Amino acid sequence: MGTQEGTSGHIRKTRLHSPLDRPAKKIVISIARQNLVAFNGEEKCLDLSCITGDAKHPTPTGKFRILEKELVHRSKKYNAQMNYAMRLNSTGIYIHEAYNVIEDPAKQTPLATAVSDTAANIVSKGRQLFPTMAESTIALGNINLLGSHGCIRLPHSGAVELFEWAKKGTRVEIQ
């Protein structure tokens, strides 16, 4: 609280702006709808398609926080490029870019962006309309294109936006 002298000579208390005054950021992921929504308080600021875990590797539900952010990340377990990665737990569940083979984000081409965005949006919509797609596999190496190993995959454009918007500690709810 600060003080400020009013026109009548009385001192009134004014509220100083602090980080606590800002609306809380929150991410809500719907497995059934295959989408991710980011909120500033009650205001929706991002609404993205996403791809969650396949039938053998379901995405865990519950409440999490972003523990760590890495612009460039490669999964050692699955040998998969996962740029714009935001870690949610100790077992390796991340929110990250889908269908990326380019290690250096600075070298992302418009074609690679279009492929990531289009493929992720098509699979997300397909899983929304046909939930049994999560039981199917179309593999590229050890990566199932129809579902993740539990992570939340985003189209390139959405991954970039969310990575820039979210902070370490941002609340994440997966339903």
C-alpha atoms as a PDB file:
ATOM      1  CA  MET A   1       0.000   0.000   0.000  1.00  0.00           C
ATOM      2  CA  GLY A   2       1.166   3.503  -0.746  1.00  0.00           C
ATOM      3  CA  THR A   3      -0.228   6.809   0.377  1.00  0.00           C
ATOM      4  CA  GLN A   4      -1.460   9.695  -1.689  1.00  0.00           C
ATOM      5  CA  GLU A   5      -2.763  13.078  -0.577  1.00  0.00           C
ATOM      6  CA  GLY A   6      -6.259  13.774  -1.862  1.00  0.00           C
ATOM      7  CA  THR A   7      -7.581  17.177  -2.963  1.00  0.00           C
ATOM      8  CA  SER A   8      -9.257  17.700   0.392  1.00  0.00           C
ATOM      9  CA  GLY A   9      -5.988  17.269   2.256  1.00  0.00           C
ATOM     10  CA  HIS A  10      -6.892  13.794   3.496  1.00  0.00           C
ATOM     11  CA  ILE A  11      -4.464  10.977   2.941  1.00  0.00           C
ATOM     12  CA  ARG A  12      -5.894   7.976   1.173  1.00  0.00           C
ATOM     13  CA  LYS A  13      -4.294   4.604   0.718  1.00  0.00           C
ATOM     14  CA  THR A  14      -3.660   3.482  -2.830  1.00  0.00           C
ATOM     15  CA  ARG A  15      -2.760   0.031  -3.974  1.00  0.00           C
ATOM     16  CA  LEU A  16       0.642  -0.334  -5.602  1.00  0.00           C
ATOM     17  CA  HIS A  17       0.808  -2.743  -8.501  1.00  0.00           C
ATOM     18  CA  SER A  18       2.762  -5.889  -7.796  1.00  0.00           C
ATOM     19  CA  PRO A  19       3.141  -9.280  -9.464  1.00  0.00           C
ATOM     20  CA  LEU A  20       0.470 -10.522  -7.053  1.00  0.00           C
ATOM     21  CA  ASP A  21      -2.051  -8.141  -8.676  1.00  0.00           C
ATOM     22  CA  ARG A  22      -1.702  -9.822 -12.076  1.00  0.00           C
ATOM     23  CA  PRO A  23      -4.262 -12.474 -12.950  1.00  0.00           C
ATOM     24  CA  ALA A  24      -2.995 -16.003 -12.409  1.00  0.00           C
ATOM     25  CA  LYS A  25      -1.936 -17.838 -15.555  1.00  0.00           C
ATOM     26  CA  LYS A  26      -3.387 -21.301 -16.003  1.00  0.00           C
ATOM     27  CA  ILE A  27      -3.367 -23.946 -18.741  1.00  0.00           C
ATOM     28  CA  VAL A  28      -6.249 -26.422 -19.101  1.00  0.00           C
ATOM     29  CA  ILE A  29      -5.779 -29.480 -21.322  1.00  0.00           C
ATOM     30  CA  SER A  30      -8.754 -31.598 -22.373  1.00  0.00           C
ATOM     31  CA  ILE A  31      -7.848 -35.122 -23.447  1.00  0.00           C
ATOM     32  CA  ALA A  32     -11.398 -35.731 -24.741  1.00  0.00           C
ATOM     33  CA  ARG A  33     -11.396 -32.568 -26.877  1.00  0.00           C
ATOM     34  CA  GLN A  34      -7.672 -32.757 -27.746  1.00  0.00           C
ATOM     35  CA  ASN A  35      -7.198 -29.083 -26.986  1.00  0.00           C
ATOM     36  CA  LEU A  36      -5.239 -26.791 -24.716  1.00  0.00           C
ATOM     37  CA  VAL A  37      -6.588 -23.479 -23.439  1.00  0.00           C
ATOM     38  CA  ALA A  38      -4.431 -20.869 -21.685  1.00  0.00           C
ATOM     39  CA  PHE A  39      -6.030 -18.353 -19.335  1.00  0.00           C
ATOM     40  CA  ASN A  40      -4.941 -15.052 -17.770  1.00  0.00           C
ATOM     41  CA  GLY A  41      -7.278 -15.161 -14.794  1.00  0.00           C
ATOM     42  CA  GLU A  42     -10.685 -15.871 -16.378  1.00  0.00           C
ATOM     43  CA  GLU A  43      -9.711 -14.492 -19.802  1.00  0.00           C
ATOM     44  CA  LYS A  44      -8.983 -17.085 -22.509  1.00  0.00           C
ATOM     45  CA  CYS A  45      -5.836 -16.013 -24.358  1.00  0.00           C
ATOM     46  CA  LEU A  46      -4.843 -19.152 -26.334  1.00  0.00           C
ATOM     47  CA  ASP A  47      -6.945 -22.016 -27.668  1.00  0.00           C
ATOM     48  CA  LEU A  48      -4.811 -24.673 -29.358  1.00  0.00           C
ATOM     49  CA  SER A  49      -5.202 -28.120 -30.855  1.00  0.00           C
ATOM     50  CA  CYS A  50      -3.077 -30.721 -29.107  1.00  0.00           C
ATOM     51  CA  ILE A  51      -2.273 -34.417 -29.254  1.00  0.00           C
ATOM     52  CA  THR A  52      -2.128 -36.397 -26.023  1.00  0.00           C
ATOM     53  CA  GLY A  53      -0.961 -39.903 -25.182  1.00  0.00           C
ATOM     54  CA  ASP A  54      -1.881 -43.008 -27.123  1.00  0.00           C
ATOM     55  CA  ALA A  55      -3.692 -45.988 -25.579  1.00  0.00           C
ATOM     56  CA  LYS A  56      -0.443 -47.625 -24.415  1.00  0.00           C
ATOM     57  CA  HIS A  57       0.959 -44.375 -22.995  1.00  0.00           C
ATOM     58  CA  PRO A  58      -1.942 -42.299 -21.646  1.00  0.00           C
ATOM     59  CA  THR A  59      -1.375 -38.703 -20.603  1.00  0.00           C
ATOM     60  CA  PRO A  60      -1.696 -38.430 -16.808  1.00  0.00           C
ATOM     61  CA  THR A  61      -4.580 -36.363 -15.494  1.00  0.00           C
ATOM     62  CA  GLY A  62      -4.440 -34.007 -12.546  1.00  0.00           C
ATOM     63  CA  LYS A  63      -2.902 -30.721 -11.486  1.00  0.00           C
ATOM     64  CA  PHE A  64       0.683 -29.839 -12.329  1.00  0.00           C
ATOM     65  CA  ARG A  65       2.980 -26.844 -12.622  1.00  0.00           C
ATOM     66  CA  ILE A  66       5.552 -26.089 -15.281  1.00  0.00           C
ATOM     67  CA  LEU A  67       8.765 -27.200 -13.590  1.00  0.00           C
ATOM     68  CA  GLU A  68      11.245 -26.380 -16.333  1.00  0.00           C
ATOM     69  CA  LYS A  69      11.323 -24.815 -19.796  1.00  0.00           C
ATOM     70  CA  GLU A  70      13.777 -25.707 -22.565  1.00  0.00           C
ATOM     71  CA  LEU A  71      13.743 -24.092 -25.995  1.00  0.00           C
ATOM     72  CA  VAL A  72      15.741 -27.010 -27.418  1.00  0.00           C
ATOM     73  CA  HIS A  73      15.124 -30.444 -25.902  1.00  0.00           C
ATOM     74  CA  ARG A  74      15.760 -33.962 -27.157  1.00  0.00           C
ATOM     75  CA  SER A  75      14.204 -36.949 -25.411  1.00  0.00           C
ATOM     76  CA  LYS A  76      16.926 -39.418 -24.480  1.00  0.00           C
ATOM     77  CA  LYS A  77      14.351 -42.135 -23.870  1.00  0.00           C
ATOM     78  CA  TYR A  78      12.629 -41.848 -27.280  1.00  0.00           C
ATOM     79  CA  ASN A  79      15.359 -40.061 -29.292  1.00  0.00           C
ATOM     80  CA  ALA A  80      12.792 -37.452 -30.296  1.00  0.00           C
ATOM     81  CA  GLN A  81      13.212 -33.721 -30.841  1.00  0.00           C
ATOM     82  CA  MET A  82      10.832 -31.885 -28.469  1.00  0.00           C
ATOM     83  CA  ASN A  83      11.506 -28.160 -28.874  1.00  0.00           C
ATOM     84  CA  TYR A  84       9.600 -25.549 -26.860  1.00  0.00           C
ATOM     85  CA  ALA A  85       9.459 -28.123 -24.054  1.00  0.00           C
ATOM     86  CA  MET A  86       7.797 -27.431 -20.714  1.00  0.00           C
ATOM     87  CA  ARG A  87       8.259 -30.236 -18.177  1.00  0.00           C
ATOM     88  CA  LEU A  88       5.302 -31.080 -15.945  1.00  0.00           C
ATOM     89  CA  ASN A  89       6.582 -33.909 -13.760  1.00  0.00           C
ATOM     90  CA  SER A  90       9.572 -36.049 -12.853  1.00  0.00           C
ATOM     91  CA  THR A  91       8.636 -38.918 -15.187  1.00  0.00           C
ATOM     92  CA  GLY A  92       9.191 -36.955 -18.392  1.00  0.00           C
ATOM     93  CA  ILE A  93       5.758 -35.607 -19.298  1.00  0.00           C
ATOM     94  CA  TYR A  94       6.135 -32.392 -21.302  1.00  0.00           C
ATOM     95  CA  ILE A  95       4.084 -29.951 -23.322  1.00  0.00           C
ATOM     96  CA  HIS A  96       6.117 -29.532 -26.536  1.00  0.00           C
ATOM     97  CA  GLU A  97       6.151 -29.000 -30.286  1.00  0.00           C
ATOM     98  CA  ALA A  98       4.822 -31.862 -32.421  1.00  0.00           C
ATOM     99  CA  TYR A  99       6.421 -33.430 -35.481  1.00  0.00           C
ATOM    100  CA  ASN A 100       9.713 -31.601 -35.315  1.00  0.00           C
ATOM    101  CA  VAL A 101      12.957 -32.894 -36.771  1.00  0.00           C
ATOM    102  CA  ILE A 102      14.838 -29.590 -36.781  1.00  0.00           C
ATOM    103  CA  GLU A 103      17.043 -29.324 -33.718  1.00  0.00           C
ATOM    104  CA  ASP A 104      17.748 -25.583 -33.954  1.00  0.00           C
ATOM    105  CA  PRO A 105      14.507 -23.553 -33.713  1.00  0.00           C
ATOM    106  CA  ALA A 106      16.241 -20.651 -35.481  1.00  0.00           C
ATOM    107  CA  LYS A 107      16.463 -22.862 -38.592  1.00  0.00           C
ATOM    108  CA  GLN A 108      12.723 -23.653 -38.663  1.00  0.00           C
ATOM    109  CA  THR A 109      11.551 -23.180 -42.245  1.00  0.00           C
ATOM    110  CA  PRO A 110       8.066 -22.078 -43.325  1.00  0.00           C
ATOM    111  CA  LEU A 111       7.571 -25.541 -44.834  1.00  0.00           C
ATOM    112  CA  ALA A 112       8.516 -27.287 -41.570  1.00  0.00           C
ATOM    113  CA  THR A 113       6.145 -24.980 -39.683  1.00  0.00           C
ATOM    114  CA  ALA A 114       3.319 -25.736 -42.134  1.00  0.00           C
ATOM    115  CA  VAL A 115       3.922 -29.499 -41.833  1.00  0.00           C
ATOM    116  CA  SER A 116       3.959 -29.357 -38.015  1.00  0.00           C
ATOM    117  CA  ASP A 117       0.865 -27.159 -37.820  1.00  0.00           C
ATOM    118  CA  THR A 118      -1.144 -29.085 -40.420  1.00  0.00           C
ATOM    119  CA  ALA A 119      -0.266 -32.577 -39.180  1.00  0.00           C
ATOM    120  CA  ALA A 120      -0.886 -31.712 -35.522  1.00  0.00           C
ATOM    121  CA  ASN A 121      -4.228 -30.048 -36.284  1.00  0.00           C
ATOM    122  CA  ILE A 122      -5.409 -32.970 -38.456  1.00  0.00           C
ATOM    123  CA  VAL A 123      -4.471 -35.606 -35.873  1.00  0.00           C
ATOM    124  CA  SER A 124      -5.987 -33.544 -33.050  1.00  0.00           C
ATOM    125  CA  LYS A 125      -9.287 -33.113 -34.931  1.00  0.00           C
ATOM    126  CA  GLY A 126      -9.276 -36.789 -35.919  1.00  0.00           C
ATOM    127  CA  ARG A 127      -8.762 -37.871 -32.293  1.00  0.00           C
ATOM    128  CA  GLN A 128     -11.540 -35.521 -31.222  1.00  0.00           C
ATOM    129  CA  LEU A 129     -13.983 -37.027 -33.744  1.00  0.00           C
ATOM    130  CA  PHE A 130     -12.723 -40.623 -33.485  1.00  0.00           C
ATOM    131  CA  PRO A 131     -11.327 -41.240 -29.968  1.00  0.00           C
ATOM    132  CA  THR A 132     -10.381 -44.815 -30.905  1.00  0.00           C
ATOM    133  CA  MET A 133      -7.575 -43.349 -33.052  1.00  0.00           C
ATOM    134  CA  ALA A 134      -5.588 -43.319 -29.783  1.00  0.00           C
ATOM    135  CA  GLU A 135      -5.573 -47.128 -30.019  1.00  0.00           C
ATOM    136  CA  SER A 136      -3.973 -47.050 -33.484  1.00  0.00           C
ATOM    137  CA  THR A 137      -0.371 -46.618 -34.484  1.00  0.00           C
ATOM    138  CA  ILE A 138       1.200 -44.988 -37.488  1.00  0.00           C
ATOM    139  CA  ALA A 139       4.871 -45.024 -36.639  1.00  0.00           C
ATOM    140  CA  LEU A 140       7.760 -42.967 -37.897  1.00  0.00           C
ATOM    141  CA  GLY A 141      10.713 -44.666 -36.282  1.00  0.00           C
ATOM    142  CA  ASN A 142       9.711 -45.128 -32.651  1.00  0.00           C
ATOM    143  CA  ILE A 143       7.238 -42.206 -32.693  1.00  0.00           C
ATOM    144  CA  ASN A 144       3.487 -42.857 -33.034  1.00  0.00           C
ATOM    145  CA  LEU A 145       2.086 -40.064 -35.179  1.00  0.00           C
ATOM    146  CA  LEU A 146      -1.428 -40.589 -33.769  1.00  0.00           C
ATOM    147  CA  GLY A 147      -0.535 -40.198 -30.100  1.00  0.00           C
ATOM    148  CA  SER A 148       2.350 -39.397 -27.814  1.00  0.00           C
ATOM    149  CA  HIS A 149       4.092 -41.383 -25.092  1.00  0.00           C
ATOM    150  CA  GLY A 150       2.075 -39.297 -22.601  1.00  0.00           C
ATOM    151  CA  CYS A 151       3.261 -35.812 -23.524  1.00  0.00           C
ATOM    152  CA  ILE A 152       1.079 -33.036 -24.886  1.00  0.00           C
ATOM    153  CA  ARG A 153       2.119 -32.205 -28.452  1.00  0.00           C
ATOM    154  CA  LEU A 154       1.322 -28.840 -30.018  1.00  0.00           C
ATOM    155  CA  PRO A 155       1.489 -27.469 -33.570  1.00  0.00           C
ATOM    156  CA  HIS A 156       4.704 -25.469 -34.055  1.00  0.00           C
ATOM    157  CA  SER A 157       2.971 -22.069 -34.096  1.00  0.00           C
ATOM    158  CA  GLY A 158       1.037 -22.822 -30.903  1.00  0.00           C
ATOM    159  CA  ALA A 159       4.104 -24.253 -29.158  1.00  0.00           C
ATOM    160  CA  VAL A 160       6.023 -21.031 -29.832  1.00  0.00           C
ATOM    161  CA  GLU A 161       3.156 -18.851 -28.525  1.00  0.00           C
ATOM    162  CA  LEU A 162       2.598 -20.946 -25.408  1.00  0.00           C
ATOM    163  CA  PHE A 163       6.326 -21.182 -24.641  1.00  0.00           C
ATOM    164  CA  GLU A 164       6.624 -17.378 -24.780  1.00  0.00           C
ATOM    165  CA  TRP A 165       3.454 -16.857 -22.712  1.00  0.00           C
ATOM    166  CA  ALA A 166       3.936 -19.463 -19.959  1.00  0.00           C
ATOM    167  CA  LYS A 167       6.311 -19.006 -17.070  1.00  0.00           C
ATOM    168  CA  LYS A 168       7.972 -21.569 -14.859  1.00  0.00           C
ATOM    169  CA  GLY A 169       5.412 -22.322 -12.130  1.00  0.00           C
ATOM    170  CA  THR A 170       2.361 -21.791 -14.370  1.00  0.00           C
ATOM    171  CA  ARG A 171      -0.486 -24.054 -13.254  1.00  0.00           C
ATOM    172  CA  VAL A 172      -1.536 -26.846 -15.635  1.00  0.00           C
ATOM    173  CA  GLU A 173      -4.683 -28.930 -15.282  1.00  0.00           C
ATOM    174  CA  ILE A 174      -5.108 -32.041 -17.409  1.00  0.00           C
ATOM    175  CA  GLN A 175      -8.631 -33.528 -17.586  1.00  0.00           C
END
